Amino acid sequence: MGLKVLIADDDPATAAYLKKVIEEVPGVEVVSIAGDGKETIRQVEIYRPDVVFLDIDMPGMNGVEAARELAEMRPGLYFVFATAYPDYTLEAFELYSFDYILKPFDEKRIRKTIRRLRDKVRKNQTQHKEVILIKSDKHKLVIHPEEILFIESRRHKILIKTERGEHLVPGRLGELERQLDPLLFFRCHKGYLVNLEKIREIIPSGQTYVIILHSGDRVLLSREREKDLLKRLGME
């Protein structure tokens, strides 16, 4: 599976140039080009890229604002920021971006960044097919993804509930999400990942929803993610 990149830049000529440079790297595809921040968010939902190459200085919703919203929606995304203003970079990196590239562009730097991302995503895709390795303070856990019921974010730790028990370990939900198969796991809420094969039913709960698993466990489902989940389950 190749690396999927979405370019967000309000200048069509710059976007076309970036597309040409990025696609010179083998195993990389630019799946779409967005002209502003709001369009970027819509296209990420449609094309589900691995990487968003974001121009920071865009009209309306700028690149940093778009990335902040996308980081909530899709914590597994990688961001590469493009800017002519180095002062932006500190704020950008607070969003856990992968890299930033200053204008005027250096083609070698762009290709180097894209190769690193391609190799990193390939490694993650290989790792999550069989087992995932979780390092805790005292020991290491080897977990088969198909045994996981759900994963919950708890401050600076994550709770992994499996068919055999539960494990509370240091880490971030987004980091673990990158190791897991997106065809098997779904981000149903900013604080939860759920195994699609373990879902029994979805019920309303006030203004939101709750997912009931075959195990009886209950997982939160946000209103924003409900339609996407129904599509994934073939229920819409």
C-alpha atoms as a PDB file:
ATOM      1  CA  MET A   1       0.000   0.000   0.000  1.00  0.00           C
ATOM      2  CA  GLY A   2       1.458   3.360  -1.032  1.00  0.00           C
ATOM      3  CA  LEU A   3       1.663   6.568   0.952  1.00  0.00           C
ATOM      4  CA  LYS A   4      -1.379   8.783   0.362  1.00  0.00           C
ATOM      5  CA  VAL A   5      -0.772  12.534   0.479  1.00  0.00           C
ATOM      6  CA  LEU A   6      -3.246  15.415   0.414  1.00  0.00           C
ATOM      7  CA  ILE A   7      -1.910  18.873  -0.506  1.00  0.00           C
ATOM      8  CA  ALA A   8      -3.545  21.997   0.906  1.00  0.00           C
ATOM      9  CA  ASP A   9      -2.438  25.222  -0.768  1.00  0.00           C
ATOM     10  CA  ASP A  10      -4.462  28.177  -2.058  1.00  0.00           C
ATOM     11  CA  ASP A  11      -2.038  28.753  -4.945  1.00  0.00           C
ATOM     12  CA  PRO A  12      -2.785  26.243  -7.769  1.00  0.00           C
ATOM     13  CA  ALA A  13       0.698  26.649  -9.293  1.00  0.00           C
ATOM     14  CA  THR A  14       2.408  25.882  -5.982  1.00  0.00           C
ATOM     15  CA  ALA A  15       0.131  22.905  -5.392  1.00  0.00           C
ATOM     16  CA  ALA A  16       0.878  21.524  -8.865  1.00  0.00           C
ATOM     17  CA  TYR A  17       4.612  21.960  -8.264  1.00  0.00           C
ATOM     18  CA  LEU A  18       4.414  20.130  -4.929  1.00  0.00           C
ATOM     19  CA  LYS A  19       2.393  17.319  -6.491  1.00  0.00           C
ATOM     20  CA  LYS A  20       5.070  16.828  -9.151  1.00  0.00           C
ATOM     21  CA  VAL A  21       7.920  16.769  -6.607  1.00  0.00           C
ATOM     22  CA  ILE A  22       6.113  14.513  -4.133  1.00  0.00           C
ATOM     23  CA  GLU A  23       5.058  11.958  -6.742  1.00  0.00           C
ATOM     24  CA  GLU A  24       8.659  11.626  -7.939  1.00  0.00           C
ATOM     25  CA  VAL A  25       9.172   9.516  -4.801  1.00  0.00           C
ATOM     26  CA  PRO A  26       8.265   5.863  -5.584  1.00  0.00           C
ATOM     27  CA  GLY A  27       5.318   4.465  -3.667  1.00  0.00           C
ATOM     28  CA  VAL A  28       3.701   7.855  -3.059  1.00  0.00           C
ATOM     29  CA  GLU A  29       0.422   9.202  -4.446  1.00  0.00           C
ATOM     30  CA  VAL A  30      -1.166  12.648  -4.138  1.00  0.00           C
ATOM     31  CA  VAL A  31      -4.842  11.752  -3.731  1.00  0.00           C
ATOM     32  CA  SER A  32      -6.257  15.291  -3.800  1.00  0.00           C
ATOM     33  CA  ILE A  33      -5.521  19.022  -3.644  1.00  0.00           C
ATOM     34  CA  ALA A  34      -7.486  21.425  -1.424  1.00  0.00           C
ATOM     35  CA  GLY A  35      -7.520  25.195  -1.761  1.00  0.00           C
ATOM     36  CA  ASP A  36      -8.326  26.235   1.806  1.00  0.00           C
ATOM     37  CA  GLY A  37      -8.635  24.928   5.352  1.00  0.00           C
ATOM     38  CA  LYS A  38     -12.305  23.987   5.291  1.00  0.00           C
ATOM     39  CA  GLU A  39     -11.966  22.157   2.000  1.00  0.00           C
ATOM     40  CA  THR A  40      -8.968  20.315   3.446  1.00  0.00           C
ATOM     41  CA  ILE A  41     -11.080  18.988   6.318  1.00  0.00           C
ATOM     42  CA  ARG A  42     -13.794  17.790   3.908  1.00  0.00           C
ATOM     43  CA  GLN A  43     -11.296  16.081   1.626  1.00  0.00           C
ATOM     44  CA  VAL A  44      -9.504  14.333   4.484  1.00  0.00           C
ATOM     45  CA  GLU A  45     -12.806  12.654   5.379  1.00  0.00           C
ATOM     46  CA  ILE A  46     -13.306  11.598   1.734  1.00  0.00           C
ATOM     47  CA  TYR A  47      -9.797  10.484   0.734  1.00  0.00           C
ATOM     48  CA  ARG A  48      -8.367   9.439   4.145  1.00  0.00           C
ATOM     49  CA  PRO A  49      -4.737  10.335   3.401  1.00  0.00           C
ATOM     50  CA  ASP A  50      -1.776   9.303   5.522  1.00  0.00           C
ATOM     51  CA  VAL A  51      -0.206  12.769   5.275  1.00  0.00           C
ATOM     52  CA  VAL A  52      -1.530  16.299   4.842  1.00  0.00           C
ATOM     53  CA  PHE A  53       0.951  18.726   3.298  1.00  0.00           C
ATOM     54  CA  LEU A  54      -0.362  22.055   4.647  1.00  0.00           C
ATOM     55  CA  ASP A  55       0.363  25.605   3.594  1.00  0.00           C
ATOM     56  CA  ILE A  56       0.088  27.619   6.809  1.00  0.00           C
ATOM     57  CA  ASP A  57      -0.841  30.934   5.193  1.00  0.00           C
ATOM     58  CA  MET A  58      -4.249  30.252   3.593  1.00  0.00           C
ATOM     59  CA  PRO A  59      -7.314  32.531   3.533  1.00  0.00           C
ATOM     60  CA  GLY A  60     -10.147  31.941   5.984  1.00  0.00           C
ATOM     61  CA  MET A  61      -9.131  28.933   8.067  1.00  0.00           C
ATOM     62  CA  ASN A  62      -5.332  28.807   7.874  1.00  0.00           C
ATOM     63  CA  GLY A  63      -3.184  25.696   7.938  1.00  0.00           C
ATOM     64  CA  VAL A  64      -2.580  25.684  11.695  1.00  0.00           C
ATOM     65  CA  GLU A  65      -6.306  26.038  12.432  1.00  0.00           C
ATOM     66  CA  ALA A  66      -7.154  23.263   9.963  1.00  0.00           C
ATOM     67  CA  ALA A  67      -4.492  20.982  11.445  1.00  0.00           C
ATOM     68  CA  ARG A  68      -5.777  21.601  14.963  1.00  0.00           C
ATOM     69  CA  GLU A  69      -9.245  20.428  13.933  1.00  0.00           C
ATOM     70  CA  LEU A  70      -7.916  17.499  11.914  1.00  0.00           C
ATOM     71  CA  ALA A  71      -5.739  16.361  14.824  1.00  0.00           C
ATOM     72  CA  GLU A  72      -8.925  15.977  16.869  1.00  0.00           C
ATOM     73  CA  MET A  73     -10.751  14.118  14.097  1.00  0.00           C
ATOM     74  CA  ARG A  74      -7.904  11.920  12.868  1.00  0.00           C
ATOM     75  CA  PRO A  75      -5.090  11.689  15.433  1.00  0.00           C
ATOM     76  CA  GLY A  76      -3.256   9.199  13.244  1.00  0.00           C
ATOM     77  CA  LEU A  77      -2.624  11.802  10.538  1.00  0.00           C
ATOM     78  CA  TYR A  78       0.856  13.149   9.821  1.00  0.00           C
ATOM     79  CA  PHE A  79       1.251  16.846   9.015  1.00  0.00           C
ATOM     80  CA  VAL A  80       3.957  18.565   6.995  1.00  0.00           C
ATOM     81  CA  PHE A  81       3.706  22.356   7.231  1.00  0.00           C
ATOM     82  CA  ALA A  82       4.881  24.710   4.518  1.00  0.00           C
ATOM     83  CA  THR A  83       5.553  28.324   5.428  1.00  0.00           C
ATOM     84  CA  ALA A  84       7.608  31.359   4.521  1.00  0.00           C
ATOM     85  CA  TYR A  85       7.570  32.457   8.176  1.00  0.00           C
ATOM     86  CA  PRO A  86       9.783  30.470  10.590  1.00  0.00           C
ATOM     87  CA  ASP A  87       7.978  32.004  13.593  1.00  0.00           C
ATOM     88  CA  TYR A  88       5.016  29.771  12.820  1.00  0.00           C
ATOM     89  CA  THR A  89       6.966  26.575  13.306  1.00  0.00           C
ATOM     90  CA  LEU A  90       6.795  26.369  17.115  1.00  0.00           C
ATOM     91  CA  GLU A  91       2.996  26.542  17.117  1.00  0.00           C
ATOM     92  CA  ALA A  92       2.885  24.028  14.271  1.00  0.00           C
ATOM     93  CA  PHE A  93       5.042  21.507  16.106  1.00  0.00           C
ATOM     94  CA  GLU A  94       2.792  21.705  19.145  1.00  0.00           C
ATOM     95  CA  LEU A  95       0.257  19.896  16.955  1.00  0.00           C
ATOM     96  CA  TYR A  96       2.645  16.923  16.693  1.00  0.00           C
ATOM     97  CA  SER A  97       3.489  17.566  13.077  1.00  0.00           C
ATOM     98  CA  PHE A  98       6.003  15.367  11.352  1.00  0.00           C
ATOM     99  CA  ASP A  99       8.013  18.159   9.739  1.00  0.00           C
ATOM    100  CA  TYR A 100       7.915  21.690   8.351  1.00  0.00           C
ATOM    101  CA  ILE A 101       9.397  23.021   5.132  1.00  0.00           C
ATOM    102  CA  LEU A 102      10.315  26.644   4.561  1.00  0.00           C
ATOM    103  CA  LYS A 103       9.625  28.591   1.379  1.00  0.00           C
ATOM    104  CA  PRO A 104      11.206  28.879  -1.133  1.00  0.00           C
ATOM    105  CA  PHE A 105      11.082  25.105  -1.319  1.00  0.00           C
ATOM    106  CA  ASP A 106      14.085  22.822  -1.441  1.00  0.00           C
ATOM    107  CA  GLU A 107      13.121  19.831  -3.599  1.00  0.00           C
ATOM    108  CA  LYS A 108      15.671  17.560  -1.931  1.00  0.00           C
ATOM    109  CA  ARG A 109      14.252  18.404   1.507  1.00  0.00           C
ATOM    110  CA  ILE A 110      10.702  17.657   0.323  1.00  0.00           C
ATOM    111  CA  ARG A 111      11.661  14.302  -1.144  1.00  0.00           C
ATOM    112  CA  LYS A 112      13.654  13.375   1.968  1.00  0.00           C
ATOM    113  CA  THR A 113      10.652  14.144   4.197  1.00  0.00           C
ATOM    114  CA  ILE A 114       8.279  12.174   1.973  1.00  0.00           C
ATOM    115  CA  ARG A 115      10.627   9.159   1.886  1.00  0.00           C
ATOM    116  CA  ARG A 116      10.848   9.185   5.684  1.00  0.00           C
ATOM    117  CA  LEU A 117       7.062   9.289   5.939  1.00  0.00           C
ATOM    118  CA  ARG A 118       6.617   6.541   3.371  1.00  0.00           C
ATOM    119  CA  ASP A 119       9.011   4.262   5.238  1.00  0.00           C
ATOM    120  CA  LYS A 120       7.443   5.068   8.611  1.00  0.00           C
ATOM    121  CA  VAL A 121       3.909   4.321   7.391  1.00  0.00           C
ATOM    122  CA  ARG A 122       5.043   1.091   5.721  1.00  0.00           C
ATOM    123  CA  LYS A 123       6.673  -0.008   8.967  1.00  0.00           C
ATOM    124  CA  ASN A 124       3.498   0.730  10.936  1.00  0.00           C
ATOM    125  CA  GLN A 125       1.366  -1.134   8.393  1.00  0.00           C
ATOM    126  CA  THR A 126       3.619  -4.174   8.688  1.00  0.00           C
ATOM    127  CA  GLN A 127       3.619  -4.091  12.493  1.00  0.00           C
ATOM    128  CA  HIS A 128      -0.120  -3.847  12.999  1.00  0.00           C
ATOM    129  CA  LYS A 129      -0.984  -6.868  10.868  1.00  0.00           C
ATOM    130  CA  GLU A 130       0.185  -9.405  13.451  1.00  0.00           C
ATOM    131  CA  VAL A 131       0.851  -8.032  16.927  1.00  0.00           C
ATOM    132  CA  ILE A 132       1.474  -4.727  18.629  1.00  0.00           C
ATOM    133  CA  LEU A 133       4.125  -4.170  21.267  1.00  0.00           C
ATOM    134  CA  ILE A 134       3.193  -1.975  24.225  1.00  0.00           C
ATOM    135  CA  LYS A 135       5.932  -0.802  26.590  1.00  0.00           C
ATOM    136  CA  SER A 136       4.867  -0.068  30.156  1.00  0.00           C
ATOM    137  CA  ASP A 137       6.961   1.017  33.143  1.00  0.00           C
ATOM    138  CA  LYS A 138       7.730  -2.531  34.259  1.00  0.00           C
ATOM    139  CA  HIS A 139       7.264  -4.824  31.280  1.00  0.00           C
ATOM    140  CA  LYS A 140       6.356  -5.180  27.623  1.00  0.00           C
ATOM    141  CA  LEU A 141       3.003  -6.385  26.359  1.00  0.00           C
ATOM    142  CA  VAL A 142       2.513  -8.246  23.111  1.00  0.00           C
ATOM    143  CA  ILE A 143      -1.127  -7.955  22.064  1.00  0.00           C
ATOM    144  CA  HIS A 144      -2.947  -9.426  19.088  1.00  0.00           C
ATOM    145  CA  PRO A 145      -5.116  -6.631  17.644  1.00  0.00           C
ATOM    146  CA  GLU A 146      -8.073  -8.941  17.027  1.00  0.00           C
ATOM    147  CA  GLU A 147      -8.279  -9.543  20.803  1.00  0.00           C
ATOM    148  CA  ILE A 148      -8.707  -5.831  21.571  1.00  0.00           C
ATOM    149  CA  LEU A 149     -12.241  -4.707  22.418  1.00  0.00           C
ATOM    150  CA  PHE A 150     -11.575  -0.988  22.723  1.00  0.00           C
ATOM    151  CA  ILE A 151      -8.892   1.506  23.697  1.00  0.00           C
ATOM    152  CA  GLU A 152      -9.563   4.525  25.888  1.00  0.00           C
ATOM    153  CA  SER A 153      -7.491   7.669  26.399  1.00  0.00           C
ATOM    154  CA  ARG A 154      -6.879   8.541  30.067  1.00  0.00           C
ATOM    155  CA  ARG A 155      -4.806  11.699  30.442  1.00  0.00           C
ATOM    156  CA  HIS A 156      -1.239  10.658  29.579  1.00  0.00           C
ATOM    157  CA  LYS A 157      -2.096   6.952  29.591  1.00  0.00           C
ATOM    158  CA  ILE A 158      -4.203   4.573  27.527  1.00  0.00           C
ATOM    159  CA  LEU A 159      -6.464   1.776  28.729  1.00  0.00           C
ATOM    160  CA  ILE A 160      -6.420  -1.264  26.439  1.00  0.00           C
ATOM    161  CA  LYS A 161      -9.367  -3.585  27.102  1.00  0.00           C
ATOM    162  CA  THR A 162      -8.936  -7.048  25.602  1.00  0.00           C
ATOM    163  CA  GLU A 163     -10.838 -10.315  25.781  1.00  0.00           C
ATOM    164  CA  ARG A 164      -8.395 -11.469  28.466  1.00  0.00           C
ATOM    165  CA  GLY A 165      -8.261  -8.362  30.641  1.00  0.00           C
ATOM    166  CA  GLU A 166      -7.215  -4.734  30.601  1.00  0.00           C
ATOM    167  CA  HIS A 167      -3.917  -2.872  30.612  1.00  0.00           C
ATOM    168  CA  LEU A 168      -3.283   0.744  31.635  1.00  0.00           C
ATOM    169  CA  VAL A 169      -0.029   1.903  30.050  1.00  0.00           C
ATOM    170  CA  PRO A 170       1.742   5.196  29.283  1.00  0.00           C
ATOM    171  CA  GLY A 171       1.123   6.619  25.833  1.00  0.00           C
ATOM    172  CA  ARG A 172      -1.167   8.568  23.542  1.00  0.00           C
ATOM    173  CA  LEU A 173      -4.180   7.224  21.702  1.00  0.00           C
ATOM    174  CA  GLY A 174      -3.030   8.695  18.378  1.00  0.00           C
ATOM    175  CA  GLU A 175       0.341   6.950  18.580  1.00  0.00           C
ATOM    176  CA  LEU A 176      -1.288   3.563  19.100  1.00  0.00           C
ATOM    177  CA  GLU A 177      -3.869   4.252  16.391  1.00  0.00           C
ATOM    178  CA  ARG A 178      -1.059   4.468  13.834  1.00  0.00           C
ATOM    179  CA  GLN A 179      -0.087   0.858  14.622  1.00  0.00           C
ATOM    180  CA  LEU A 180      -3.591  -0.531  14.179  1.00  0.00           C
ATOM    181  CA  ASP A 181      -5.395  -1.602  11.021  1.00  0.00           C
ATOM    182  CA  PRO A 182      -7.856   1.173  10.031  1.00  0.00           C
ATOM    183  CA  LEU A 183     -10.087  -1.493   8.505  1.00  0.00           C
ATOM    184  CA  LEU A 184     -10.482  -3.109  11.931  1.00  0.00           C
ATOM    185  CA  PHE A 185     -10.404  -0.138  14.315  1.00  0.00           C
ATOM    186  CA  PHE A 186     -12.558   2.989  14.249  1.00  0.00           C
ATOM    187  CA  ARG A 187     -12.087   6.306  16.054  1.00  0.00           C
ATOM    188  CA  CYS A 188     -15.617   6.612  17.431  1.00  0.00           C
ATOM    189  CA  HIS A 189     -14.846   9.458  19.831  1.00  0.00           C
ATOM    190  CA  LYS A 190     -11.846  11.672  20.546  1.00  0.00           C
ATOM    191  CA  GLY A 191     -11.133   9.473  23.571  1.00  0.00           C
ATOM    192  CA  TYR A 192     -11.914   6.023  22.143  1.00  0.00           C
ATOM    193  CA  LEU A 193     -10.924   3.499  19.489  1.00  0.00           C
ATOM    194  CA  VAL A 194     -13.245   0.534  19.009  1.00  0.00           C
ATOM    195  CA  ASN A 195     -12.798  -2.826  17.299  1.00  0.00           C
ATOM    196  CA  LEU A 196     -15.481  -2.902  14.582  1.00  0.00           C
ATOM    197  CA  GLU A 197     -15.854  -6.667  14.843  1.00  0.00           C
ATOM    198  CA  LYS A 198     -16.806  -6.436  18.550  1.00  0.00           C
ATOM    199  CA  ILE A 199     -19.796  -4.103  18.102  1.00  0.00           C
ATOM    200  CA  ARG A 200     -23.227  -5.512  18.973  1.00  0.00           C
ATOM    201  CA  GLU A 201     -25.445  -2.423  18.765  1.00  0.00           C
ATOM    202  CA  ILE A 202     -25.558   1.360  18.834  1.00  0.00           C
ATOM    203  CA  ILE A 203     -28.041   3.144  21.078  1.00  0.00           C
ATOM    204  CA  PRO A 204     -28.888   6.833  21.631  1.00  0.00           C
ATOM    205  CA  SER A 205     -27.747   8.362  24.914  1.00  0.00           C
ATOM    206  CA  GLY A 206     -28.931  11.912  25.456  1.00  0.00           C
ATOM    207  CA  GLN A 207     -27.470  14.060  22.689  1.00  0.00           C
ATOM    208  CA  THR A 208     -24.889  11.420  21.690  1.00  0.00           C
ATOM    209  CA  TYR A 209     -24.660   7.631  21.327  1.00  0.00           C
ATOM    210  CA  VAL A 210     -23.245   4.595  23.075  1.00  0.00           C
ATOM    211  CA  ILE A 211     -21.736   1.528  21.403  1.00  0.00           C
ATOM    212  CA  ILE A 212     -22.574  -1.776  23.102  1.00  0.00           C
ATOM    213  CA  LEU A 213     -19.994  -4.496  22.518  1.00  0.00           C
ATOM    214  CA  HIS A 214     -20.625  -8.238  22.516  1.00  0.00           C
ATOM    215  CA  SER A 215     -18.713  -8.319  25.801  1.00  0.00           C
ATOM    216  CA  GLY A 216     -21.230  -5.922  27.365  1.00  0.00           C
ATOM    217  CA  ASP A 217     -18.731  -3.061  27.510  1.00  0.00           C
ATOM    218  CA  ARG A 218     -20.023   0.388  26.595  1.00  0.00           C
ATOM    219  CA  VAL A 219     -18.030   2.843  24.454  1.00  0.00           C
ATOM    220  CA  LEU A 220     -18.848   6.476  23.698  1.00  0.00           C
ATOM    221  CA  LEU A 221     -19.781   7.447  20.134  1.00  0.00           C
ATOM    222  CA  SER A 222     -19.817  11.138  19.226  1.00  0.00           C
ATOM    223  CA  ARG A 223     -22.575  12.629  17.081  1.00  0.00           C
ATOM    224  CA  GLU A 224     -19.978  13.669  14.497  1.00  0.00           C
ATOM    225  CA  ARG A 225     -18.746  10.080  14.052  1.00  0.00           C
ATOM    226  CA  GLU A 226     -22.106   8.269  14.128  1.00  0.00           C
ATOM    227  CA  LYS A 227     -22.818   8.498  10.373  1.00  0.00           C
ATOM    228  CA  ASP A 228     -19.284   7.414   9.472  1.00  0.00           C
ATOM    229  CA  LEU A 229     -19.568   4.411  11.768  1.00  0.00           C
ATOM    230  CA  LEU A 230     -22.903   3.356  10.265  1.00  0.00           C
ATOM    231  CA  LYS A 231     -21.304   3.507   6.808  1.00  0.00           C
ATOM    232  CA  ARG A 232     -18.366   1.398   7.952  1.00  0.00           C
ATOM    233  CA  LEU A 233     -20.777  -1.181   9.370  1.00  0.00           C
ATOM    234  CA  GLY A 234     -22.926  -1.163   6.210  1.00  0.00           C
ATOM    235  CA  MET A 235     -25.919   0.075   8.167  1.00  0.00           C
ATOM    236  CA  GLU A 236     -26.583   3.223   6.110  1.00  0.00           C
END
